[in-house]
Amino acid sequence: MASELLNLWCFLHGCDRIACNARRCAVKKRLQINVALEEAEAAIINEYCRVHDRTPQWLFKAGARAIVEEDMRERRADLMTMQSLGDIEKGLSGPADRLVSMIEEDSRQGAALSDSLLRKNA
């Protein structure tokens, strides 16, 4: 019976039965987080997940990932702002020089892209 359980454990976790000892198996540790929701919030989440064929766990993971990515973007923007202020203090550039050059570069790339698309469709 114990051997059958170990075989099942290894099968479910995708590990090598020969090299596996159930206590030392390289299985990802799962952490549980409890979230308290009001009934209306829970109903909205469950309905969203049902319609989109997802689980609430997926929804919360996706939301957490989006929050972390947004925070990283804000930190990068803050760093770029601080670098620009440092450049201005050192007299390396005016406040709008970098922004103007970026806008001009974007418009050049956009024009080149639209020209290539027009040629391709013609």
PDB file of N, CA and C in Angstrom:
ATOM      1  N   MET A   1       0.826  -1.203   0.000  1.00  0.00           N
ATOM      2  CA  MET A   1       0.000   0.000   0.000  1.00  0.00           C
ATOM      3  C   MET A   1       0.868   1.264   0.000  1.00  0.00           C
ATOM      4  N   ALA A   2       1.911   1.266   0.835  1.00  0.00           N
ATOM      5  CA  ALA A   2       2.780   2.443   0.913  1.00  0.00           C
ATOM      6  C   ALA A   2       3.483   2.687  -0.416  1.00  0.00           C
ATOM      7  N   SER A   3       3.881   1.597  -1.076  1.00  0.00           N
ATOM      8  CA  SER A   3       4.545   1.733  -2.367  1.00  0.00           C
ATOM      9  C   SER A   3       3.591   2.311  -3.413  1.00  0.00           C
ATOM     10  N   GLU A   4       2.334   1.885  -3.371  1.00  0.00           N
ATOM     11  CA  GLU A   4       1.343   2.416  -4.302  1.00  0.00           C
ATOM     12  C   GLU A   4       1.114   3.904  -4.065  1.00  0.00           C
ATOM     13  N   LEU A   5       1.084   4.315  -2.795  1.00  0.00           N
ATOM     14  CA  LEU A   5       0.914   5.733  -2.475  1.00  0.00           C
ATOM     15  C   LEU A   5       2.104   6.545  -2.963  1.00  0.00           C
ATOM     16  N   LEU A   6       3.311   5.990  -2.784  1.00  0.00           N
ATOM     17  CA  LEU A   6       4.503   6.693  -3.248  1.00  0.00           C
ATOM     18  C   LEU A   6       4.496   6.807  -4.774  1.00  0.00           C
ATOM     19  N   ASN A   7       4.069   5.736  -5.462  1.00  0.00           N
ATOM     20  CA  ASN A   7       3.957   5.794  -6.923  1.00  0.00           C
ATOM     21  C   ASN A   7       2.959   6.857  -7.352  1.00  0.00           C
ATOM     22  N   LEU A   8       1.817   6.917  -6.675  1.00  0.00           N
ATOM     23  CA  LEU A   8       0.805   7.920  -6.988  1.00  0.00           C
ATOM     24  C   LEU A   8       1.349   9.319  -6.735  1.00  0.00           C
ATOM     25  N   TRP A   9       2.040   9.507  -5.596  1.00  0.00           N
ATOM     26  CA  TRP A   9       2.644  10.798  -5.254  1.00  0.00           C
ATOM     27  C   TRP A   9       3.593  11.243  -6.366  1.00  0.00           C
ATOM     28  N   CYS A  10       4.463  10.326  -6.791  1.00  0.00           N
ATOM     29  CA  CYS A  10       5.445  10.660  -7.827  1.00  0.00           C
ATOM     30  C   CYS A  10       4.765  10.952  -9.160  1.00  0.00           C
ATOM     31  N   PHE A  11       3.726  10.191  -9.487  1.00  0.00           N
ATOM     32  CA  PHE A  11       3.004  10.425 -10.733  1.00  0.00           C
ATOM     33  C   PHE A  11       2.353  11.801 -10.732  1.00  0.00           C
ATOM     34  N   LEU A  12       1.693  12.147  -9.638  1.00  0.00           N
ATOM     35  CA  LEU A  12       0.997  13.429  -9.553  1.00  0.00           C
ATOM     36  C   LEU A  12       1.954  14.610  -9.591  1.00  0.00           C
ATOM     37  N   HIS A  13       3.146  14.451  -9.039  1.00  0.00           N
ATOM     38  CA  HIS A  13       4.092  15.557  -8.962  1.00  0.00           C
ATOM     39  C   HIS A  13       5.156  15.506 -10.045  1.00  0.00           C
ATOM     40  N   GLY A  14       5.085  14.498 -10.915  1.00  0.00           N
ATOM     41  CA  GLY A  14       5.992  14.437 -12.053  1.00  0.00           C
ATOM     42  C   GLY A  14       7.438  14.201 -11.689  1.00  0.00           C
ATOM     43  N   CYS A  15       7.682  13.470 -10.609  1.00  0.00           N
ATOM     44  CA  CYS A  15       9.075  13.233 -10.226  1.00  0.00           C
ATOM     45  C   CYS A  15       9.466  11.791 -10.542  1.00  0.00           C
ATOM     46  N   ASP A  16      10.737  11.526 -10.523  1.00  0.00           N
ATOM     47  CA  ASP A  16      11.282  10.214 -10.831  1.00  0.00           C
ATOM     48  C   ASP A  16      11.095   9.298  -9.631  1.00  0.00           C
ATOM     49  N   ARG A  17      10.401   8.195  -9.831  1.00  0.00           N
ATOM     50  CA  ARG A  17      10.081   7.286  -8.725  1.00  0.00           C
ATOM     51  C   ARG A  17      11.340   6.690  -8.118  1.00  0.00           C
ATOM     52  N   ILE A  18      12.333   6.366  -8.928  1.00  0.00           N
ATOM     53  CA  ILE A  18      13.539   5.723  -8.423  1.00  0.00           C
ATOM     54  C   ILE A  18      14.332   6.684  -7.552  1.00  0.00           C
ATOM     55  N   ALA A  19      14.473   7.921  -7.999  1.00  0.00           N
ATOM     56  CA  ALA A  19      15.271   8.900  -7.260  1.00  0.00           C
ATOM     57  C   ALA A  19      14.473   9.616  -6.184  1.00  0.00           C
ATOM     58  N   CYS A  20      13.189   9.331  -6.123  1.00  0.00           N
ATOM     59  CA  CYS A  20      12.321  10.104  -5.237  1.00  0.00           C
ATOM     60  C   CYS A  20      12.200   9.469  -3.866  1.00  0.00           C
ATOM     61  N   ASN A  21      12.295  10.291  -2.892  1.00  0.00           N
ATOM     62  CA  ASN A  21      11.888   9.939  -1.544  1.00  0.00           C
ATOM     63  C   ASN A  21      10.822  10.971  -1.240  1.00  0.00           C
ATOM     64  N   ALA A  22       9.623  10.555  -0.907  1.00  0.00           N
ATOM     65  CA  ALA A  22       8.486  11.475  -0.804  1.00  0.00           C
ATOM     66  C   ALA A  22       8.783  12.692   0.057  1.00  0.00           C
ATOM     67  N   ARG A  23       9.679  12.569   1.019  1.00  0.00           N
ATOM     68  CA  ARG A  23       9.982  13.720   1.870  1.00  0.00           C
ATOM     69  C   ARG A  23      10.996  14.659   1.237  1.00  0.00           C
ATOM     70  N   ARG A  24      11.771  14.192   0.266  1.00  0.00           N
ATOM     71  CA  ARG A  24      12.791  15.037  -0.356  1.00  0.00           C
ATOM     72  C   ARG A  24      12.467  15.361  -1.803  1.00  0.00           C
ATOM     73  N   CYS A  25      11.288  15.045  -2.233  1.00  0.00           N
ATOM     74  CA  CYS A  25      10.879  15.283  -3.616  1.00  0.00           C
ATOM     75  C   CYS A  25      10.870  16.782  -3.904  1.00  0.00           C
ATOM     76  N   ALA A  26      11.310  17.158  -5.089  1.00  0.00           N
ATOM     77  CA  ALA A  26      11.392  18.578  -5.457  1.00  0.00           C
ATOM     78  C   ALA A  26      10.028  19.070  -5.927  1.00  0.00           C
ATOM     79  N   VAL A  27       9.098  19.152  -5.032  1.00  0.00           N
ATOM     80  CA  VAL A  27       7.754  19.626  -5.341  1.00  0.00           C
ATOM     81  C   VAL A  27       7.658  21.072  -4.901  1.00  0.00           C
ATOM     82  N   LYS A  28       7.047  21.895  -5.733  1.00  0.00           N
ATOM     83  CA  LYS A  28       6.876  23.294  -5.367  1.00  0.00           C
ATOM     84  C   LYS A  28       6.024  23.397  -4.114  1.00  0.00           C
ATOM     85  N   LYS A  29       6.471  24.211  -3.206  1.00  0.00           N
ATOM     86  CA  LYS A  29       5.698  24.442  -1.994  1.00  0.00           C
ATOM     87  C   LYS A  29       4.603  25.454  -2.309  1.00  0.00           C
ATOM     88  N   ARG A  30       3.392  25.129  -1.931  1.00  0.00           N
ATOM     89  CA  ARG A  30       2.262  26.006  -2.204  1.00  0.00           C
ATOM     90  C   ARG A  30       1.879  26.714  -0.922  1.00  0.00           C
ATOM     91  N   LEU A  31       1.726  27.995  -1.006  1.00  0.00           N
ATOM     92  CA  LEU A  31       1.303  28.790   0.133  1.00  0.00           C
ATOM     93  C   LEU A  31      -0.166  29.133  -0.031  1.00  0.00           C
ATOM     94  N   GLN A  32      -0.871  29.104   1.073  1.00  0.00           N
ATOM     95  CA  GLN A  32      -2.291  29.418   1.032  1.00  0.00           C
ATOM     96  C   GLN A  32      -2.504  30.796   1.621  1.00  0.00           C
ATOM     97  N   ILE A  33      -3.313  31.589   0.931  1.00  0.00           N
ATOM     98  CA  ILE A  33      -3.669  32.916   1.411  1.00  0.00           C
ATOM     99  C   ILE A  33      -5.182  32.964   1.524  1.00  0.00           C
ATOM    100  N   ASN A  34      -5.657  33.334   2.678  1.00  0.00           N
ATOM    101  CA  ASN A  34      -7.097  33.451   2.883  1.00  0.00           C
ATOM    102  C   ASN A  34      -7.514  34.891   2.653  1.00  0.00           C
ATOM    103  N   VAL A  35      -8.581  35.066   1.897  1.00  0.00           N
ATOM    104  CA  VAL A  35      -9.083  36.393   1.575  1.00  0.00           C
ATOM    105  C   VAL A  35     -10.525  36.471   2.047  1.00  0.00           C
ATOM    106  N   ALA A  36     -10.830  37.496   2.814  1.00  0.00           N
ATOM    107  CA  ALA A  36     -12.202  37.694   3.281  1.00  0.00           C
ATOM    108  C   ALA A  36     -12.927  38.608   2.299  1.00  0.00           C
ATOM    109  N   LEU A  37     -14.025  38.118   1.750  1.00  0.00           N
ATOM    110  CA  LEU A  37     -14.808  38.882   0.787  1.00  0.00           C
ATOM    111  C   LEU A  37     -16.247  38.980   1.265  1.00  0.00           C
ATOM    112  N   GLU A  38     -16.879  40.053   0.884  1.00  0.00           N
ATOM    113  CA  GLU A  38     -18.310  40.151   1.126  1.00  0.00           C
ATOM    114  C   GLU A  38     -19.019  39.268   0.108  1.00  0.00           C
ATOM    115  N   GLU A  39     -20.266  38.932   0.385  1.00  0.00           N
ATOM    116  CA  GLU A  39     -21.006  38.034  -0.505  1.00  0.00           C
ATOM    117  C   GLU A  39     -21.115  38.598  -1.917  1.00  0.00           C
ATOM    118  N   ALA A  40     -21.367  39.888  -2.033  1.00  0.00           N
ATOM    119  CA  ALA A  40     -21.506  40.500  -3.362  1.00  0.00           C
ATOM    120  C   ALA A  40     -20.192  40.419  -4.129  1.00  0.00           C
ATOM    121  N   GLU A  41     -19.071  40.688  -3.441  1.00  0.00           N
ATOM    122  CA  GLU A  41     -17.766  40.604  -4.099  1.00  0.00           C
ATOM    123  C   GLU A  41     -17.472  39.178  -4.539  1.00  0.00           C
ATOM    124  N   ALA A  42     -17.758  38.230  -3.664  1.00  0.00           N
ATOM    125  CA  ALA A  42     -17.518  36.822  -3.994  1.00  0.00           C
ATOM    126  C   ALA A  42     -18.373  36.391  -5.181  1.00  0.00           C
ATOM    127  N   ALA A  43     -19.615  36.851  -5.220  1.00  0.00           N
ATOM    128  CA  ALA A  43     -20.498  36.494  -6.333  1.00  0.00           C
ATOM    129  C   ALA A  43     -19.973  37.055  -7.648  1.00  0.00           C
ATOM    130  N   ILE A  44     -19.485  38.292  -7.627  1.00  0.00           N
ATOM    131  CA  ILE A  44     -18.937  38.907  -8.839  1.00  0.00           C
ATOM    132  C   ILE A  44     -17.707  38.133  -9.315  1.00  0.00           C
ATOM    133  N   ILE A  45     -16.826  37.796  -8.386  1.00  0.00           N
ATOM    134  CA  ILE A  45     -15.610  37.060  -8.738  1.00  0.00           C
ATOM    135  C   ILE A  45     -15.959  35.683  -9.289  1.00  0.00           C
ATOM    136  N   ASN A  46     -16.859  34.985  -8.622  1.00  0.00           N
ATOM    137  CA  ASN A  46     -17.244  33.652  -9.091  1.00  0.00           C
ATOM    138  C   ASN A  46     -17.899  33.705 -10.468  1.00  0.00           C
ATOM    139  N   GLU A  47     -18.737  34.698 -10.696  1.00  0.00           N
ATOM    140  CA  GLU A  47     -19.391  34.824 -12.000  1.00  0.00           C
ATOM    141  C   GLU A  47     -18.367  35.136 -13.092  1.00  0.00           C
ATOM    142  N   TYR A  48     -17.436  36.051 -12.810  1.00  0.00           N
ATOM    143  CA  TYR A  48     -16.383  36.378 -13.777  1.00  0.00           C
ATOM    144  C   TYR A  48     -15.579  35.123 -14.123  1.00  0.00           C
ATOM    145  N   CYS A  49     -15.198  34.380 -13.094  1.00  0.00           N
ATOM    146  CA  CYS A  49     -14.401  33.173 -13.315  1.00  0.00           C
ATOM    147  C   CYS A  49     -15.196  32.120 -14.089  1.00  0.00           C
ATOM    148  N   ARG A  50     -16.479  31.991 -13.797  1.00  0.00           N
ATOM    149  CA  ARG A  50     -17.307  31.018 -14.507  1.00  0.00           C
ATOM    150  C   ARG A  50     -17.406  31.379 -15.985  1.00  0.00           C
ATOM    151  N   VAL A  51     -17.656  32.653 -16.274  1.00  0.00           N
ATOM    152  CA  VAL A  51     -17.812  33.098 -17.660  1.00  0.00           C
ATOM    153  C   VAL A  51     -16.512  32.929 -18.444  1.00  0.00           C
ATOM    154  N   HIS A  52     -15.376  33.216 -17.807  1.00  0.00           N
ATOM    155  CA  HIS A  52     -14.085  33.160 -18.494  1.00  0.00           C
ATOM    156  C   HIS A  52     -13.368  31.827 -18.310  1.00  0.00           C
ATOM    157  N   ASP A  53     -14.039  30.866 -17.692  1.00  0.00           N
ATOM    158  CA  ASP A  53     -13.482  29.530 -17.478  1.00  0.00           C
ATOM    159  C   ASP A  53     -12.128  29.594 -16.765  1.00  0.00           C
ATOM    160  N   ARG A  54     -12.091  30.318 -15.681  1.00  0.00           N
ATOM    161  CA  ARG A  54     -10.890  30.473 -14.854  1.00  0.00           C
ATOM    162  C   ARG A  54     -11.236  30.172 -13.407  1.00  0.00           C
ATOM    163  N   THR A  55     -10.196  30.049 -12.601  1.00  0.00           N
ATOM    164  CA  THR A  55     -10.410  29.843 -11.171  1.00  0.00           C
ATOM    165  C   THR A  55     -10.168  31.158 -10.443  1.00  0.00           C
ATOM    166  N   PRO A  56     -10.737  31.310  -9.253  1.00  0.00           N
ATOM    167  CA  PRO A  56     -10.438  32.515  -8.469  1.00  0.00           C
ATOM    168  C   PRO A  56      -8.944  32.652  -8.167  1.00  0.00           C
ATOM    169  N   GLN A  57      -8.251  31.522  -7.991  1.00  0.00           N
ATOM    170  CA  GLN A  57      -6.807  31.581  -7.741  1.00  0.00           C
ATOM    171  C   GLN A  57      -6.095  32.236  -8.921  1.00  0.00           C
ATOM    172  N   TRP A  58      -6.487  31.865 -10.146  1.00  0.00           N
ATOM    173  CA  TRP A  58      -5.884  32.464 -11.335  1.00  0.00           C
ATOM    174  C   TRP A  58      -6.130  33.967 -11.347  1.00  0.00           C
ATOM    175  N   LEU A  59      -7.369  34.353 -11.021  1.00  0.00           N
ATOM    176  CA  LEU A  59      -7.730  35.768 -11.036  1.00  0.00           C
ATOM    177  C   LEU A  59      -6.887  36.561 -10.040  1.00  0.00           C
ATOM    178  N   PHE A  60      -6.720  36.035  -8.826  1.00  0.00           N
ATOM    179  CA  PHE A  60      -5.940  36.745  -7.814  1.00  0.00           C
ATOM    180  C   PHE A  60      -4.460  36.791  -8.185  1.00  0.00           C
ATOM    181  N   LYS A  61      -3.936  35.702  -8.759  1.00  0.00           N
ATOM    182  CA  LYS A  61      -2.533  35.708  -9.188  1.00  0.00           C
ATOM    183  C   LYS A  61      -2.313  36.743 -10.286  1.00  0.00           C
ATOM    184  N   ALA A  62      -3.243  36.787 -11.247  1.00  0.00           N
ATOM    185  CA  ALA A  62      -3.123  37.752 -12.348  1.00  0.00           C
ATOM    186  C   ALA A  62      -3.193  39.176 -11.820  1.00  0.00           C
ATOM    187  N   GLY A  63      -4.082  39.425 -10.868  1.00  0.00           N
ATOM    188  CA  GLY A  63      -4.193  40.761 -10.274  1.00  0.00           C
ATOM    189  C   GLY A  63      -2.942  41.150  -9.521  1.00  0.00           C
ATOM    190  N   ALA A  64      -2.388  40.216  -8.754  1.00  0.00           N
ATOM    191  CA  ALA A  64      -1.159  40.504  -8.006  1.00  0.00           C
ATOM    192  C   ALA A  64      -0.008  40.777  -8.963  1.00  0.00           C
ATOM    193  N   ARG A  65       0.074  39.985 -10.031  1.00  0.00           N
ATOM    194  CA  ARG A  65       1.140  40.186 -11.021  1.00  0.00           C
ATOM    195  C   ARG A  65       1.015  41.557 -11.675  1.00  0.00           C
ATOM    196  N   ALA A  66      -0.218  41.971 -11.986  1.00  0.00           N
ATOM    197  CA  ALA A  66      -0.432  43.282 -12.611  1.00  0.00           C
ATOM    198  C   ALA A  66      -0.037  44.410 -11.668  1.00  0.00           C
ATOM    199  N   ILE A  67      -0.345  44.262 -10.388  1.00  0.00           N
ATOM    200  CA  ILE A  67       0.015  45.289  -9.405  1.00  0.00           C
ATOM    201  C   ILE A  67       1.530  45.404  -9.295  1.00  0.00           C
ATOM    202  N   VAL A  68       2.227  44.271  -9.247  1.00  0.00           N
ATOM    203  CA  VAL A  68       3.687  44.292  -9.139  1.00  0.00           C
ATOM    204  C   VAL A  68       4.301  44.920 -10.389  1.00  0.00           C
ATOM    205  N   GLU A  69       3.795  44.548 -11.578  1.00  0.00           N
ATOM    206  CA  GLU A  69       4.328  45.123 -12.818  1.00  0.00           C
ATOM    207  C   GLU A  69       4.081  46.626 -12.886  1.00  0.00           C
ATOM    208  N   GLU A  70       2.911  47.073 -12.437  1.00  0.00           N
ATOM    209  CA  GLU A  70       2.614  48.510 -12.425  1.00  0.00           C
ATOM    210  C   GLU A  70       3.564  49.242 -11.486  1.00  0.00           C
ATOM    211  N   ASP A  71       3.837  48.651 -10.336  1.00  0.00           N
ATOM    212  CA  ASP A  71       4.759  49.266  -9.386  1.00  0.00           C
ATOM    213  C   ASP A  71       6.160  49.359  -9.986  1.00  0.00           C
ATOM    214  N   MET A  72       6.587  48.323 -10.694  1.00  0.00           N
ATOM    215  CA  MET A  72       7.909  48.354 -11.317  1.00  0.00           C
ATOM    216  C   MET A  72       7.984  49.442 -12.383  1.00  0.00           C
ATOM    217  N   ARG A  73       6.913  49.604 -13.171  1.00  0.00           N
ATOM    218  CA  ARG A  73       6.894  50.676 -14.180  1.00  0.00           C
ATOM    219  C   ARG A  73       6.976  52.046 -13.519  1.00  0.00           C
ATOM    220  N   GLU A  74       6.254  52.235 -12.419  1.00  0.00           N
ATOM    221  CA  GLU A  74       6.301  53.518 -11.711  1.00  0.00           C
ATOM    222  C   GLU A  74       7.698  53.783 -11.169  1.00  0.00           C
ATOM    223  N   ARG A  75       8.351  52.761 -10.648  1.00  0.00           N
ATOM    224  CA  ARG A  75       9.710  52.943 -10.122  1.00  0.00           C
ATOM    225  C   ARG A  75      10.687  53.308 -11.234  1.00  0.00           C
ATOM    226  N   ARG A  76      10.537  52.649 -12.411  1.00  0.00           N
ATOM    227  CA  ARG A  76      11.400  52.997 -13.546  1.00  0.00           C
ATOM    228  C   ARG A  76      11.178  54.433 -13.985  1.00  0.00           C
ATOM    229  N   ALA A  77       9.912  54.858 -14.017  1.00  0.00           N
ATOM    230  CA  ALA A  77       9.601  56.241 -14.407  1.00  0.00           C
ATOM    231  C   ALA A  77      10.195  57.220 -13.399  1.00  0.00           C
ATOM    232  N   ASP A  78      10.102  56.893 -12.109  1.00  0.00           N
ATOM    233  CA  ASP A  78      10.699  57.756 -11.086  1.00  0.00           C
ATOM    234  C   ASP A  78      12.209  57.845 -11.265  1.00  0.00           C
ATOM    235  N   LEU A  79      12.842  56.718 -11.565  1.00  0.00           N
ATOM    236  CA  LEU A  79      14.286  56.708 -11.773  1.00  0.00           C
ATOM    237  C   LEU A  79      14.670  57.556 -12.980  1.00  0.00           C
ATOM    238  N   MET A  80      13.899  57.435 -14.065  1.00  0.00           N
ATOM    239  CA  MET A  80      14.181  58.246 -15.252  1.00  0.00           C
ATOM    240  C   MET A  80      14.000  59.729 -14.952  1.00  0.00           C
ATOM    241  N   THR A  81      12.993  60.063 -14.157  1.00  0.00           N
ATOM    242  CA  THR A  81      12.782  61.463 -13.775  1.00  0.00           C
ATOM    243  C   THR A  81      13.966  61.974 -12.970  1.00  0.00           C
ATOM    244  N   MET A  82      14.433  61.164 -12.021  1.00  0.00           N
ATOM    245  CA  MET A  82      15.579  61.579 -11.205  1.00  0.00           C
ATOM    246  C   MET A  82      16.833  61.731 -12.066  1.00  0.00           C
ATOM    247  N   GLN A  83      17.017  60.832 -13.044  1.00  0.00           N
ATOM    248  CA  GLN A  83      18.169  60.949 -13.936  1.00  0.00           C
ATOM    249  C   GLN A  83      18.084  62.221 -14.767  1.00  0.00           C
ATOM    250  N   SER A  84      16.887  62.541 -15.239  1.00  0.00           N
ATOM    251  CA  SER A  84      16.707  63.770 -16.022  1.00  0.00           C
ATOM    252  C   SER A  84      16.996  64.999 -15.176  1.00  0.00           C
ATOM    253  N   LEU A  85      16.518  64.993 -13.939  1.00  0.00           N
ATOM    254  CA  LEU A  85      16.796  66.127 -13.050  1.00  0.00           C
ATOM    255  C   LEU A  85      18.286  66.259 -12.788  1.00  0.00           C
ATOM    256  N   GLY A  86      18.963  65.129 -12.642  1.00  0.00           N
ATOM    257  CA  GLY A  86      20.415  65.162 -12.460  1.00  0.00           C
ATOM    258  C   GLY A  86      21.120  65.727 -13.676  1.00  0.00           C
ATOM    259  N   ASP A  87      20.661  65.343 -14.875  1.00  0.00           N
ATOM    260  CA  ASP A  87      21.238  65.881 -16.116  1.00  0.00           C
ATOM    261  C   ASP A  87      21.034  67.386 -16.205  1.00  0.00           C
ATOM    262  N   ILE A  88      19.853  67.851 -15.821  1.00  0.00           N
ATOM    263  CA  ILE A  88      19.551  69.284 -15.874  1.00  0.00           C
ATOM    264  C   ILE A  88      20.446  70.042 -14.906  1.00  0.00           C
ATOM    265  N   GLU A  89      20.610  69.499 -13.694  1.00  0.00           N
ATOM    266  CA  GLU A  89      21.459  70.168 -12.699  1.00  0.00           C
ATOM    267  C   GLU A  89      22.901  70.248 -13.169  1.00  0.00           C
ATOM    268  N   LYS A  90      23.370  69.205 -13.876  1.00  0.00           N
ATOM    269  CA  LYS A  90      24.745  69.192 -14.367  1.00  0.00           C
ATOM    270  C   LYS A  90      24.906  70.028 -15.635  1.00  0.00           C
ATOM    271  N   GLY A  91      23.783  70.484 -16.193  1.00  0.00           N
ATOM    272  CA  GLY A  91      23.834  71.283 -17.410  1.00  0.00           C
ATOM    273  C   GLY A  91      24.008  70.459 -18.667  1.00  0.00           C
ATOM    274  N   LEU A  92      23.773  69.149 -18.570  1.00  0.00           N
ATOM    275  CA  LEU A  92      23.948  68.281 -19.733  1.00  0.00           C
ATOM    276  C   LEU A  92      22.811  68.399 -20.734  1.00  0.00           C
ATOM    277  N   SER A  93      21.622  68.728 -20.255  1.00  0.00           N
ATOM    278  CA  SER A  93      20.483  68.859 -21.172  1.00  0.00           C
ATOM    279  C   SER A  93      19.435  69.761 -20.551  1.00  0.00           C
ATOM    280  N   GLY A  94      18.598  70.296 -21.422  1.00  0.00           N
ATOM    281  CA  GLY A  94      17.468  71.084 -20.954  1.00  0.00           C
ATOM    282  C   GLY A  94      16.349  70.148 -20.530  1.00  0.00           C
ATOM    283  N   PRO A  95      15.360  70.653 -19.828  1.00  0.00           N
ATOM    284  CA  PRO A  95      14.297  69.787 -19.324  1.00  0.00           C
ATOM    285  C   PRO A  95      13.540  69.035 -20.411  1.00  0.00           C
ATOM    286  N   ALA A  96      13.363  69.651 -21.572  1.00  0.00           N
ATOM    287  CA  ALA A  96      12.534  69.025 -22.598  1.00  0.00           C
ATOM    288  C   ALA A  96      13.348  68.407 -23.724  1.00  0.00           C
ATOM    289  N   ASP A  97      14.666  68.554 -23.690  1.00  0.00           N
ATOM    290  CA  ASP A  97      15.484  68.052 -24.798  1.00  0.00           C
ATOM    291  C   ASP A  97      15.293  66.558 -25.028  1.00  0.00           C
ATOM    292  N   ARG A  98      15.376  65.792 -23.966  1.00  0.00           N
ATOM    293  CA  ARG A  98      15.254  64.341 -24.092  1.00  0.00           C
ATOM    294  C   ARG A  98      13.858  63.963 -24.576  1.00  0.00           C
ATOM    295  N   LEU A  99      12.844  64.606 -24.029  1.00  0.00           N
ATOM    296  CA  LEU A  99      11.466  64.315 -24.425  1.00  0.00           C
ATOM    297  C   LEU A  99      11.225  64.665 -25.890  1.00  0.00           C
ATOM    298  N   VAL A 100      11.723  65.811 -26.313  1.00  0.00           N
ATOM    299  CA  VAL A 100      11.552  66.224 -27.713  1.00  0.00           C
ATOM    300  C   VAL A 100      12.250  65.242 -28.642  1.00  0.00           C
ATOM    301  N   SER A 101      13.448  64.827 -28.296  1.00  0.00           N
ATOM    302  CA  SER A 101      14.162  63.877 -29.157  1.00  0.00           C
ATOM    303  C   SER A 101      13.437  62.534 -29.209  1.00  0.00           C
ATOM    304  N   MET A 102      12.852  62.098 -28.097  1.00  0.00           N
ATOM    305  CA  MET A 102      12.089  60.850 -28.092  1.00  0.00           C
ATOM    306  C   MET A 102      10.844  60.966 -28.967  1.00  0.00           C
ATOM    307  N   ILE A 103      10.158  62.097 -28.903  1.00  0.00           N
ATOM    308  CA  ILE A 103       8.962  62.304 -29.721  1.00  0.00           C
ATOM    309  C   ILE A 103       9.332  62.322 -31.199  1.00  0.00           C
ATOM    310  N   GLU A 104      10.424  63.011 -31.541  1.00  0.00           N
ATOM    311  CA  GLU A 104      10.861  63.055 -32.936  1.00  0.00           C
ATOM    312  C   GLU A 104      11.235  61.663 -33.437  1.00  0.00           C
ATOM    313  N   GLU A 105      11.928  60.894 -32.618  1.00  0.00           N
ATOM    314  CA  GLU A 105      12.310  59.533 -32.997  1.00  0.00           C
ATOM    315  C   GLU A 105      11.074  58.659 -33.197  1.00  0.00           C
ATOM    316  N   ASP A 106      10.097  58.785 -32.308  1.00  0.00           N
ATOM    317  CA  ASP A 106       8.849  58.021 -32.450  1.00  0.00           C
ATOM    318  C   ASP A 106       8.119  58.390 -33.732  1.00  0.00           C
ATOM    319  N   SER A 107       8.063  59.675 -34.052  1.00  0.00           N
ATOM    320  CA  SER A 107       7.360  60.086 -35.273  1.00  0.00           C
ATOM    321  C   SER A 107       8.103  59.589 -36.512  1.00  0.00           C
ATOM    322  N   ARG A 108       9.446  59.578 -36.488  1.00  0.00           N
ATOM    323  CA  ARG A 108      10.212  59.039 -37.618  1.00  0.00           C
ATOM    324  C   ARG A 108       9.938  57.548 -37.790  1.00  0.00           C
ATOM    325  N   GLN A 109       9.941  56.822 -36.684  1.00  0.00           N
ATOM    326  CA  GLN A 109       9.681  55.384 -36.764  1.00  0.00           C
ATOM    327  C   GLN A 109       8.252  55.110 -37.224  1.00  0.00           C
ATOM    328  N   GLY A 110       7.298  55.899 -36.744  1.00  0.00           N
ATOM    329  CA  GLY A 110       5.908  55.740 -37.167  1.00  0.00           C
ATOM    330  C   GLY A 110       5.736  56.009 -38.646  1.00  0.00           C
ATOM    331  N   ALA A 111       6.400  57.051 -39.149  1.00  0.00           N
ATOM    332  CA  ALA A 111       6.318  57.367 -40.576  1.00  0.00           C
ATOM    333  C   ALA A 111       6.933  56.246 -41.407  1.00  0.00           C
ATOM    334  N   ALA A 112       8.061  55.724 -40.963  1.00  0.00           N
ATOM    335  CA  ALA A 112       8.705  54.630 -41.693  1.00  0.00           C
ATOM    336  C   ALA A 112       7.820  53.386 -41.689  1.00  0.00           C
ATOM    337  N   LEU A 113       7.192  53.104 -40.570  1.00  0.00           N
ATOM    338  CA  LEU A 113       6.310  51.944 -40.477  1.00  0.00           C
ATOM    339  C   LEU A 113       5.087  52.104 -41.370  1.00  0.00           C
ATOM    340  N   SER A 114       4.477  53.285 -41.350  1.00  0.00           N
ATOM    341  CA  SER A 114       3.292  53.500 -42.194  1.00  0.00           C
ATOM    342  C   SER A 114       3.663  53.456 -43.670  1.00  0.00           C
ATOM    343  N   ASP A 115       4.842  53.981 -44.037  1.00  0.00           N
ATOM    344  CA  ASP A 115       5.284  53.905 -45.431  1.00  0.00           C
ATOM    345  C   ASP A 115       5.465  52.454 -45.866  1.00  0.00           C
ATOM    346  N   SER A 116       6.079  51.649 -45.010  1.00  0.00           N
ATOM    347  CA  SER A 116       6.296  50.244 -45.376  1.00  0.00           C
ATOM    348  C   SER A 116       4.975  49.491 -45.473  1.00  0.00           C
ATOM    349  N   LEU A 117       4.015  49.810 -44.609  1.00  0.00           N
ATOM    350  CA  LEU A 117       2.703  49.165 -44.684  1.00  0.00           C
ATOM    351  C   LEU A 117       1.953  49.582 -45.941  1.00  0.00           C
ATOM    352  N   LEU A 118       2.063  50.868 -46.313  1.00  0.00           N
ATOM    353  CA  LEU A 118       1.400  51.334 -47.531  1.00  0.00           C
ATOM    354  C   LEU A 118       1.992  50.664 -48.764  1.00  0.00           C
ATOM    355  N   ARG A 119       3.323  50.511 -48.791  1.00  0.00           N
ATOM    356  CA  ARG A 119       3.969  49.854 -49.924  1.00  0.00           C
ATOM    357  C   ARG A 119       3.571  48.385 -50.000  1.00  0.00           C
ATOM    358  N   LYS A 120       3.448  47.758 -48.844  1.00  0.00           N
ATOM    359  CA  LYS A 120       3.100  46.346 -48.799  1.00  0.00           C
ATOM    360  C   LYS A 120       1.672  46.121 -49.287  1.00  0.00           C
ATOM    361  N   ASN A 121       0.758  47.022 -48.945  1.00  0.00           N
ATOM    362  CA  ASN A 121      -0.647  46.889 -49.332  1.00  0.00           C
ATOM    363  C   ASN A 121      -0.918  47.357 -50.761  1.00  0.00           C
ATOM    364  N   ALA A 122      -0.001  48.122 -51.338  1.00  0.00           N
ATOM    365  CA  ALA A 122      -0.220  48.665 -52.690  1.00  0.00           C
ATOM    366  C   ALA A 122       0.059  47.636 -53.751  1.00  0.00           C
TER     367      ALA A 122
END
